[in-house]
PDB file of N, CA and C in Angstrom:
ATOM      1  N   UNK A   1      -2.352  12.659   4.488  1.00  0.00           N
ATOM      2  CA  UNK A   1      -2.933  11.905   5.706  1.00  0.00           C
ATOM      3  C   UNK A   1      -2.266  11.012   6.104  1.00  0.00           C
ATOM      4  N   UNK A   2      -2.295  10.678   7.693  1.00  0.00           N
ATOM      5  CA  UNK A   2      -1.918   9.385   7.952  1.00  0.00           C
ATOM      6  C   UNK A   2      -2.556   9.298   9.157  1.00  0.00           C
ATOM      7  N   UNK A   3      -3.388   8.128   8.594  1.00  0.00           N
ATOM      8  CA  UNK A   3      -4.111   7.491   9.675  1.00  0.00           C
ATOM      9  C   UNK A   3      -3.957   6.653  10.901  1.00  0.00           C
ATOM     10  N   UNK A   4      -3.726   7.527  12.380  1.00  0.00           N
ATOM     11  CA  UNK A   4      -3.059   7.156  13.405  1.00  0.00           C
ATOM     12  C   UNK A   4      -3.652   5.654  13.848  1.00  0.00           C
ATOM     13  N   UNK A   5      -5.045   5.462  13.689  1.00  0.00           N
ATOM     14  CA  UNK A   5      -5.533   4.498  14.323  1.00  0.00           C
ATOM     15  C   UNK A   5      -5.658   3.197  13.047  1.00  0.00           C
ATOM     16  N   UNK A   6      -6.474   2.260  13.388  1.00  0.00           N
ATOM     17  CA  UNK A   6      -6.910   0.937  12.409  1.00  0.00           C
ATOM     18  C   UNK A   6      -8.294   1.075  12.393  1.00  0.00           C
ATOM     19  N   UNK A   7      -8.670   2.012  12.400  1.00  0.00           N
ATOM     20  CA  UNK A   7     -10.488   2.328  12.432  1.00  0.00           C
ATOM     21  C   UNK A   7     -10.566   2.170  11.482  1.00  0.00           C
ATOM     22  N   UNK A   8     -12.208   1.609  10.827  1.00  0.00           N
ATOM     23  CA  UNK A   8     -12.643   1.452   9.306  1.00  0.00           C
ATOM     24  C   UNK A   8     -13.185   2.399   8.721  1.00  0.00           C
ATOM     25  N   UNK A   9     -12.223   2.828   7.730  1.00  0.00           N
ATOM     26  CA  UNK A   9     -12.311   4.219   7.094  1.00  0.00           C
ATOM     27  C   UNK A   9     -12.838   3.449   5.275  1.00  0.00           C
ATOM     28  N   UNK A  10     -13.163   2.354   5.096  1.00  0.00           N
ATOM     29  CA  UNK A  10     -13.207   1.980   3.888  1.00  0.00           C
ATOM     30  C   UNK A  10     -14.747   2.458   3.165  1.00  0.00           C
ATOM     31  N   UNK A  11     -15.709   2.559   4.083  1.00  0.00           N
ATOM     32  CA  UNK A  11     -16.947   3.199   3.704  1.00  0.00           C
ATOM     33  C   UNK A  11     -16.811   4.560   3.112  1.00  0.00           C
ATOM     34  N   UNK A  12     -15.987   4.969   3.070  1.00  0.00           N
ATOM     35  CA  UNK A  12     -15.261   6.814   2.833  1.00  0.00           C
ATOM     36  C   UNK A  12     -14.873   6.504   1.660  1.00  0.00           C
ATOM     37  N   UNK A  13     -13.789   5.675   1.789  1.00  0.00           N
ATOM     38  CA  UNK A  13     -12.882   5.502   0.309  1.00  0.00           C
ATOM     39  C   UNK A  13     -13.299   4.763  -0.766  1.00  0.00           C
ATOM     40  N   UNK A  14     -14.372   4.078  -0.805  1.00  0.00           N
ATOM     41  CA  UNK A  14     -14.947   3.208  -1.797  1.00  0.00           C
ATOM     42  C   UNK A  14     -16.471   4.002  -2.236  1.00  0.00           C
ATOM     43  N   UNK A  15     -16.890   4.585  -3.629  1.00  0.00           N
ATOM     44  CA  UNK A  15     -17.964   4.696  -3.572  1.00  0.00           C
ATOM     45  C   UNK A  15     -18.131   4.982  -5.137  1.00  0.00           C
ATOM     46  N   UNK A  16     -18.310   3.491  -5.684  1.00  0.00           N
ATOM     47  CA  UNK A  16     -18.427   3.075  -7.098  1.00  0.00           C
ATOM     48  C   UNK A  16     -19.887   4.269  -7.643  1.00  0.00           C
ATOM     49  N   UNK A  17     -20.809   4.356  -6.816  1.00  0.00           N
ATOM     50  CA  UNK A  17     -22.131   4.865  -7.559  1.00  0.00           C
ATOM     51  C   UNK A  17     -21.850   5.905  -7.717  1.00  0.00           C
ATOM     52  N   UNK A  18     -21.461   7.126  -7.297  1.00  0.00           N
ATOM     53  CA  UNK A  18     -21.471   8.550  -7.450  1.00  0.00           C
ATOM     54  C   UNK A  18     -20.050   8.581  -7.816  1.00  0.00           C
ATOM     55  N   UNK A  19     -19.075   7.654  -8.487  1.00  0.00           N
ATOM     56  CA  UNK A  19     -17.970   7.897  -9.459  1.00  0.00           C
ATOM     57  C   UNK A  19     -17.078   8.851  -8.582  1.00  0.00           C
ATOM     58  N   UNK A  20     -16.614   8.431  -7.430  1.00  0.00           N
ATOM     59  CA  UNK A  20     -15.953   9.568  -6.551  1.00  0.00           C
ATOM     60  C   UNK A  20     -14.475   9.147  -6.904  1.00  0.00           C
ATOM     61  N   UNK A  21     -13.226   9.869  -6.887  1.00  0.00           N
ATOM     62  CA  UNK A  21     -12.377   9.314  -7.064  1.00  0.00           C
ATOM     63  C   UNK A  21     -11.683  10.068  -5.364  1.00  0.00           C
ATOM     64  N   UNK A  22     -10.621   9.381  -4.477  1.00  0.00           N
ATOM     65  CA  UNK A  22     -10.256  10.006  -3.205  1.00  0.00           C
ATOM     66  C   UNK A  22      -8.895   9.459  -3.387  1.00  0.00           C
ATOM     67  N   UNK A  23      -8.226  10.712  -3.275  1.00  0.00           N
ATOM     68  CA  UNK A  23      -6.638  10.536  -3.217  1.00  0.00           C
ATOM     69  C   UNK A  23      -6.475  10.303  -1.854  1.00  0.00           C
ATOM     70  N   UNK A  24      -5.856   9.737  -1.260  1.00  0.00           N
ATOM     71  CA  UNK A  24      -5.417   9.537   0.041  1.00  0.00           C
ATOM     72  C   UNK A  24      -3.946   9.068   0.469  1.00  0.00           C
ATOM     73  N   UNK A  25      -3.271  10.151   0.841  1.00  0.00           N
ATOM     74  CA  UNK A  25      -1.600  10.013   1.433  1.00  0.00           C
ATOM     75  C   UNK A  25      -1.183   9.029   2.473  1.00  0.00           C
ATOM     76  N   UNK A  26      -0.982   7.533   2.543  1.00  0.00           N
ATOM     77  CA  UNK A  26      -0.708   6.834   3.440  1.00  0.00           C
ATOM     78  C   UNK A  26       0.704   6.630   3.780  1.00  0.00           C
ATOM     79  N   UNK A  27       1.381   6.629   4.787  1.00  0.00           N
ATOM     80  CA  UNK A  27       2.480   5.811   5.092  1.00  0.00           C
ATOM     81  C   UNK A  27       2.604   4.403   5.556  1.00  0.00           C
ATOM     82  N   UNK A  28       1.633   3.843   5.488  1.00  0.00           N
ATOM     83  CA  UNK A  28       1.391   2.450   5.950  1.00  0.00           C
ATOM     84  C   UNK A  28       0.911   1.603   4.925  1.00  0.00           C
ATOM     85  N   UNK A  29       1.820   0.814   4.407  1.00  0.00           N
ATOM     86  CA  UNK A  29       1.626   0.258   3.024  1.00  0.00           C
ATOM     87  C   UNK A  29       0.420  -0.865   3.548  1.00  0.00           C
ATOM     88  N   UNK A  30       0.755  -1.641   4.343  1.00  0.00           N
ATOM     89  CA  UNK A  30      -0.627  -2.695   4.372  1.00  0.00           C
ATOM     90  C   UNK A  30      -1.864  -2.241   4.431  1.00  0.00           C
ATOM     91  N   UNK A  31      -1.858  -0.487   5.032  1.00  0.00           N
ATOM     92  CA  UNK A  31      -3.285  -0.087   5.392  1.00  0.00           C
ATOM     93  C   UNK A  31      -3.688   0.501   3.594  1.00  0.00           C
ATOM     94  N   UNK A  32      -2.849   0.930   3.178  1.00  0.00           N
ATOM     95  CA  UNK A  32      -2.870   1.310   1.495  1.00  0.00           C
ATOM     96  C   UNK A  32      -3.414   0.033   0.670  1.00  0.00           C
ATOM     97  N   UNK A  33      -2.580  -0.797   0.720  1.00  0.00           N
ATOM     98  CA  UNK A  33      -2.892  -1.943   0.097  1.00  0.00           C
ATOM     99  C   UNK A  33      -4.311  -2.878  -0.018  1.00  0.00           C
ATOM    100  N   UNK A  34      -4.428  -2.626   1.463  1.00  0.00           N
ATOM    101  CA  UNK A  34      -5.662  -2.870   1.411  1.00  0.00           C
ATOM    102  C   UNK A  34      -7.155  -2.258   1.411  1.00  0.00           C
ATOM    103  N   UNK A  35      -7.102  -0.872   1.101  1.00  0.00           N
ATOM    104  CA  UNK A  35      -8.096  -0.182   0.733  1.00  0.00           C
ATOM    105  C   UNK A  35      -7.929   0.099  -0.593  1.00  0.00           C
ATOM    106  N   UNK A  36      -6.943   0.253  -1.362  1.00  0.00           N
ATOM    107  CA  UNK A  36      -6.391   1.055  -2.649  1.00  0.00           C
ATOM    108  C   UNK A  36      -6.974   0.372  -3.563  1.00  0.00           C
ATOM    109  N   UNK A  37      -7.529   0.473  -4.714  1.00  0.00           N
ATOM    110  CA  UNK A  37      -7.688  -0.447  -5.927  1.00  0.00           C
ATOM    111  C   UNK A  37      -6.338  -0.057  -6.726  1.00  0.00           C
ATOM    112  N   UNK A  38      -5.661   1.573  -6.793  1.00  0.00           N
ATOM    113  CA  UNK A  38      -4.193   1.850  -7.326  1.00  0.00           C
ATOM    114  C   UNK A  38      -3.335   2.348  -6.123  1.00  0.00           C
ATOM    115  N   UNK A  39      -1.836   2.059  -6.172  1.00  0.00           N
ATOM    116  CA  UNK A  39      -1.156   2.390  -5.460  1.00  0.00           C
ATOM    117  C   UNK A  39       0.035   3.277  -6.458  1.00  0.00           C
ATOM    118  N   UNK A  40       0.504   4.336  -5.981  1.00  0.00           N
ATOM    119  CA  UNK A  40       1.768   5.144  -6.429  1.00  0.00           C
ATOM    120  C   UNK A  40       2.433   5.111  -5.561  1.00  0.00           C
ATOM    121  N   UNK A  41       4.189   4.706  -5.661  1.00  0.00           N
ATOM    122  CA  UNK A  41       5.076   5.045  -4.840  1.00  0.00           C
ATOM    123  C   UNK A  41       5.982   6.078  -5.402  1.00  0.00           C
ATOM    124  N   UNK A  42       6.247   6.685  -4.425  1.00  0.00           N
ATOM    125  CA  UNK A  42       7.446   7.705  -4.448  1.00  0.00           C
ATOM    126  C   UNK A  42       8.714   7.635  -3.966  1.00  0.00           C
ATOM    127  N   UNK A  43      10.089   7.654  -4.931  1.00  0.00           N
ATOM    128  CA  UNK A  43      11.133   7.730  -4.249  1.00  0.00           C
ATOM    129  C   UNK A  43      11.408   9.068  -4.200  1.00  0.00           C
ATOM    130  N   UNK A  44      12.178  10.006  -3.545  1.00  0.00           N
ATOM    131  CA  UNK A  44      12.619  10.916  -3.474  1.00  0.00           C
ATOM    132  C   UNK A  44      11.726  11.936  -4.773  1.00  0.00           C
ATOM    133  N   UNK A  45      10.411  11.676  -4.544  1.00  0.00           N
ATOM    134  CA  UNK A  45       9.710  12.681  -5.134  1.00  0.00           C
ATOM    135  C   UNK A  45       9.474  12.354  -6.703  1.00  0.00           C
ATOM    136  N   UNK A  46       9.885  10.852  -6.883  1.00  0.00           N
ATOM    137  CA  UNK A  46       9.862  10.216  -8.316  1.00  0.00           C
ATOM    138  C   UNK A  46       8.969   9.287  -8.206  1.00  0.00           C
ATOM    139  N   UNK A  47       7.955   8.956  -9.466  1.00  0.00           N
ATOM    140  CA  UNK A  47       7.149   7.662  -9.152  1.00  0.00           C
ATOM    141  C   UNK A  47       8.016   6.536  -9.538  1.00  0.00           C
ATOM    142  N   UNK A  48       8.193   5.649  -8.635  1.00  0.00           N
ATOM    143  CA  UNK A  48       8.768   4.626  -8.925  1.00  0.00           C
ATOM    144  C   UNK A  48       7.909   3.376  -9.502  1.00  0.00           C
ATOM    145  N   UNK A  49       6.790   3.257  -8.795  1.00  0.00           N
ATOM    146  CA  UNK A  49       5.891   2.101  -9.017  1.00  0.00           C
ATOM    147  C   UNK A  49       4.212   2.945  -9.034  1.00  0.00           C
ATOM    148  N   UNK A  50       3.442   2.332 -10.113  1.00  0.00           N
ATOM    149  CA  UNK A  50       1.999   2.411 -10.076  1.00  0.00           C
ATOM    150  C   UNK A  50       1.065   1.490 -10.503  1.00  0.00           C
ATOM    151  N   UNK A  51       0.112   1.246  -9.613  1.00  0.00           N
ATOM    152  CA  UNK A  51      -0.775  -0.129 -10.425  1.00  0.00           C
ATOM    153  C   UNK A  51      -1.365  -0.448  -8.837  1.00  0.00           C
ATOM    154  N   UNK A  52      -1.961  -2.007  -9.140  1.00  0.00           N
ATOM    155  CA  UNK A  52      -2.364  -2.573  -8.461  1.00  0.00           C
ATOM    156  C   UNK A  52      -1.516  -3.008  -6.951  1.00  0.00           C
ATOM    157  N   UNK A  53      -2.288  -2.591  -5.793  1.00  0.00           N
ATOM    158  CA  UNK A  53      -1.249  -3.287  -4.776  1.00  0.00           C
ATOM    159  C   UNK A  53      -0.786  -4.516  -5.270  1.00  0.00           C
ATOM    160  N   UNK A  54      -1.410  -5.770  -5.379  1.00  0.00           N
ATOM    161  CA  UNK A  54      -0.744  -7.018  -5.890  1.00  0.00           C
ATOM    162  C   UNK A  54       0.517  -6.706  -7.111  1.00  0.00           C
ATOM    163  N   UNK A  55      -0.106  -5.862  -7.702  1.00  0.00           N
ATOM    164  CA  UNK A  55       1.346  -6.149  -9.128  1.00  0.00           C
ATOM    165  C   UNK A  55       2.728  -5.283  -8.566  1.00  0.00           C
ATOM    166  N   UNK A  56       1.966  -4.216  -7.753  1.00  0.00           N
ATOM    167  CA  UNK A  56       3.592  -3.325  -7.425  1.00  0.00           C
ATOM    168  C   UNK A  56       4.089  -3.756  -5.937  1.00  0.00           C
ATOM    169  N   UNK A  57       3.456  -4.175  -5.137  1.00  0.00           N
ATOM    170  CA  UNK A  57       4.165  -4.381  -3.838  1.00  0.00           C
ATOM    171  C   UNK A  57       5.222  -5.985  -3.831  1.00  0.00           C
ATOM    172  N   UNK A  58       6.218  -5.467  -4.224  1.00  0.00           N
ATOM    173  CA  UNK A  58       7.287  -6.769  -4.309  1.00  0.00           C
ATOM    174  C   UNK A  58       8.534  -6.277  -3.418  1.00  0.00           C
ATOM    175  N   UNK A  59       9.298  -7.744  -3.273  1.00  0.00           N
ATOM    176  CA  UNK A  59      10.045  -7.679  -2.122  1.00  0.00           C
ATOM    177  C   UNK A  59      11.179  -6.794  -2.654  1.00  0.00           C
ATOM    178  N   UNK A  60      11.336  -6.825  -4.063  1.00  0.00           N
ATOM    179  CA  UNK A  60      12.292  -6.168  -4.516  1.00  0.00           C
ATOM    180  C   UNK A  60      12.297  -4.104  -4.213  1.00  0.00           C
ATOM    181  N   UNK A  61      10.668  -3.743  -4.587  1.00  0.00           N
ATOM    182  CA  UNK A  61      10.548  -2.938  -4.561  1.00  0.00           C
ATOM    183  C   UNK A  61      10.426  -2.045  -2.707  1.00  0.00           C
ATOM    184  N   UNK A  62      10.348  -2.888  -1.882  1.00  0.00           N
ATOM    185  CA  UNK A  62      10.321  -2.668  -0.160  1.00  0.00           C
ATOM    186  C   UNK A  62      11.982  -2.548  -0.268  1.00  0.00           C
ATOM    187  N   UNK A  63      12.596  -3.559  -0.554  1.00  0.00           N
ATOM    188  CA  UNK A  63      14.178  -3.459  -0.608  1.00  0.00           C
ATOM    189  C   UNK A  63      14.902  -2.029  -1.075  1.00  0.00           C
ATOM    190  N   UNK A  64      14.486  -1.849  -2.500  1.00  0.00           N
ATOM    191  CA  UNK A  64      14.971  -0.713  -2.791  1.00  0.00           C
ATOM    192  C   UNK A  64      14.507   0.844  -2.778  1.00  0.00           C
ATOM    193  N   UNK A  65      13.019   1.062  -2.244  1.00  0.00           N
ATOM    194  CA  UNK A  65      12.772   2.122  -2.120  1.00  0.00           C
ATOM    195  C   UNK A  65      12.498   2.330  -0.417  1.00  0.00           C
ATOM    196  N   UNK A  66      12.363   1.307   0.346  1.00  0.00           N
ATOM    197  CA  UNK A  66      12.120   1.746   1.733  1.00  0.00           C
ATOM    198  C   UNK A  66      13.291   1.086   2.625  1.00  0.00           C
ATOM    199  N   UNK A  67      14.093   0.031   2.195  1.00  0.00           N
ATOM    200  CA  UNK A  67      15.577  -0.254   2.751  1.00  0.00           C
ATOM    201  C   UNK A  67      15.276  -1.050   3.369  1.00  0.00           C
ATOM    202  N   UNK A  68      14.041  -2.250   3.571  1.00  0.00           N
ATOM    203  CA  UNK A  68      13.561  -3.487   4.093  1.00  0.00           C
ATOM    204  C   UNK A  68      13.409  -4.398   3.291  1.00  0.00           C
ATOM    205  N   UNK A  69      14.365  -5.521   3.918  1.00  0.00           N
ATOM    206  CA  UNK A  69      13.803  -7.261   3.268  1.00  0.00           C
ATOM    207  C   UNK A  69      12.567  -7.428   4.103  1.00  0.00           C
ATOM    208  N   UNK A  70      11.814  -7.863   3.257  1.00  0.00           N
ATOM    209  CA  UNK A  70      10.189  -8.316   3.677  1.00  0.00           C
ATOM    210  C   UNK A  70       9.528  -9.179   2.745  1.00  0.00           C
ATOM    211  N   UNK A  71       8.794 -10.243   3.647  1.00  0.00           N
ATOM    212  CA  UNK A  71       7.668 -10.950   2.819  1.00  0.00           C
ATOM    213  C   UNK A  71       7.052 -10.858   2.390  1.00  0.00           C
ATOM    214  N   UNK A  72       5.858 -11.004   1.371  1.00  0.00           N
ATOM    215  CA  UNK A  72       4.731 -10.575   1.057  1.00  0.00           C
ATOM    216  C   UNK A  72       4.156 -11.663   0.788  1.00  0.00           C
ATOM    217  N   UNK A  73       2.881 -11.547   1.706  1.00  0.00           N
ATOM    218  CA  UNK A  73       2.151 -12.704   1.892  1.00  0.00           C
ATOM    219  C   UNK A  73       0.308 -12.015   1.716  1.00  0.00           C
ATOM    220  N   UNK A  74      -0.111 -13.033   1.377  1.00  0.00           N
ATOM    221  CA  UNK A  74      -2.021 -12.304   0.931  1.00  0.00           C
ATOM    222  C   UNK A  74      -2.738 -12.521   2.027  1.00  0.00           C
ATOM    223  N   UNK A  75      -3.305 -11.896   2.488  1.00  0.00           N
ATOM    224  CA  UNK A  75      -4.385 -11.676   3.541  1.00  0.00           C
ATOM    225  C   UNK A  75      -5.806 -12.300   3.116  1.00  0.00           C
ATOM    226  N   UNK A  76      -5.618 -13.685   3.873  1.00  0.00           N
ATOM    227  CA  UNK A  76      -6.834 -14.319   3.528  1.00  0.00           C
ATOM    228  C   UNK A  76      -8.208 -13.650   3.270  1.00  0.00           C
ATOM    229  N   UNK A  77      -8.405 -12.836   4.398  1.00  0.00           N
ATOM    230  CA  UNK A  77      -9.343 -12.104   4.452  1.00  0.00           C
ATOM    231  C   UNK A  77     -10.160 -11.042   3.644  1.00  0.00           C
ATOM    232  N   UNK A  78      -9.112 -10.473   3.144  1.00  0.00           N
ATOM    233  CA  UNK A  78      -9.066  -9.337   2.276  1.00  0.00           C
ATOM    234  C   UNK A  78      -8.758  -9.244   1.008  1.00  0.00           C
ATOM    235  N   UNK A  79      -7.777 -10.441   0.082  1.00  0.00           N
ATOM    236  CA  UNK A  79      -6.560 -10.563  -0.597  1.00  0.00           C
ATOM    237  C   UNK A  79      -6.092 -10.007  -0.950  1.00  0.00           C
ATOM    238  N   UNK A  80      -5.506  -8.766  -0.450  1.00  0.00           N
ATOM    239  CA  UNK A  80      -4.664  -7.966  -0.171  1.00  0.00           C
ATOM    240  C   UNK A  80      -3.165  -8.330   0.277  1.00  0.00           C
ATOM    241  N   UNK A  81      -2.009  -7.507  -0.779  1.00  0.00           N
ATOM    242  CA  UNK A  81      -0.757  -8.402  -0.295  1.00  0.00           C
ATOM    243  C   UNK A  81      -0.579  -7.531   1.002  1.00  0.00           C
ATOM    244  N   UNK A  82       0.115  -8.471   2.102  1.00  0.00           N
ATOM    245  CA  UNK A  82       0.863  -7.711   3.439  1.00  0.00           C
ATOM    246  C   UNK A  82       2.161  -7.801   3.387  1.00  0.00           C
ATOM    247  N   UNK A  83       2.518  -6.874   3.563  1.00  0.00           N
ATOM    248  CA  UNK A  83       4.388  -6.645   3.833  1.00  0.00           C
ATOM    249  C   UNK A  83       4.783  -7.115   4.937  1.00  0.00           C
ATOM    250  N   UNK A  84       5.825  -7.878   5.613  1.00  0.00           N
ATOM    251  CA  UNK A  84       6.309  -8.372   6.367  1.00  0.00           C
ATOM    252  C   UNK A  84       7.737  -8.302   6.551  1.00  0.00           C
ATOM    253  N   UNK A  85       8.059  -6.697   7.211  1.00  0.00           N
ATOM    254  CA  UNK A  85       9.734  -6.924   6.784  1.00  0.00           C
ATOM    255  C   UNK A  85      10.169  -7.969   7.677  1.00  0.00           C
ATOM    256  N   UNK A  86      11.653  -7.935   7.414  1.00  0.00           N
ATOM    257  CA  UNK A  86      12.239  -8.826   8.715  1.00  0.00           C
ATOM    258  C   UNK A  86      13.570  -8.318   8.521  1.00  0.00           C
ATOM    259  N   UNK A  87      14.083  -7.502   7.887  1.00  0.00           N
ATOM    260  CA  UNK A  87      15.566  -6.797   7.876  1.00  0.00           C
ATOM    261  C   UNK A  87      15.585  -5.828   7.341  1.00  0.00           C
ATOM    262  N   UNK A  88      16.691  -4.787   7.816  1.00  0.00           N
ATOM    263  CA  UNK A  88      16.930  -3.415   7.066  1.00  0.00           C
ATOM    264  C   UNK A  88      18.024  -3.958   5.882  1.00  0.00           C
ATOM    265  N   UNK A  89      18.157  -3.412   4.870  1.00  0.00           N
ATOM    266  CA  UNK A  89      19.104  -3.378   3.922  1.00  0.00           C
ATOM    267  C   UNK A  89      20.425  -2.456   4.482  1.00  0.00           C
ATOM    268  N   UNK A  90      21.538  -3.156   4.169  1.00  0.00           N
ATOM    269  CA  UNK A  90      22.318  -2.427   5.053  1.00  0.00           C
ATOM    270  C   UNK A  90      23.420  -2.168   3.798  1.00  0.00           C
TER     271      UNK A  90
END
């Protein structure tokens, strides 16, 4: 599922009282990092990273898997990592 808007969907994603697990496929890493407790990154169908967004979203991962150089900063509002690409890997 690719969410085409930046609408607020978090209430649908987090429901700890019902012990509900939601699997969501997103192509926007920042949105995934903001709402997910766990992320799995695939590269050509193979799992290359699995864990908490703050643990796995690194500049090295973005360069290797997505072909971009990026800075990773922390969103002060949510505490989630934010990827800020600045160049493509050549």
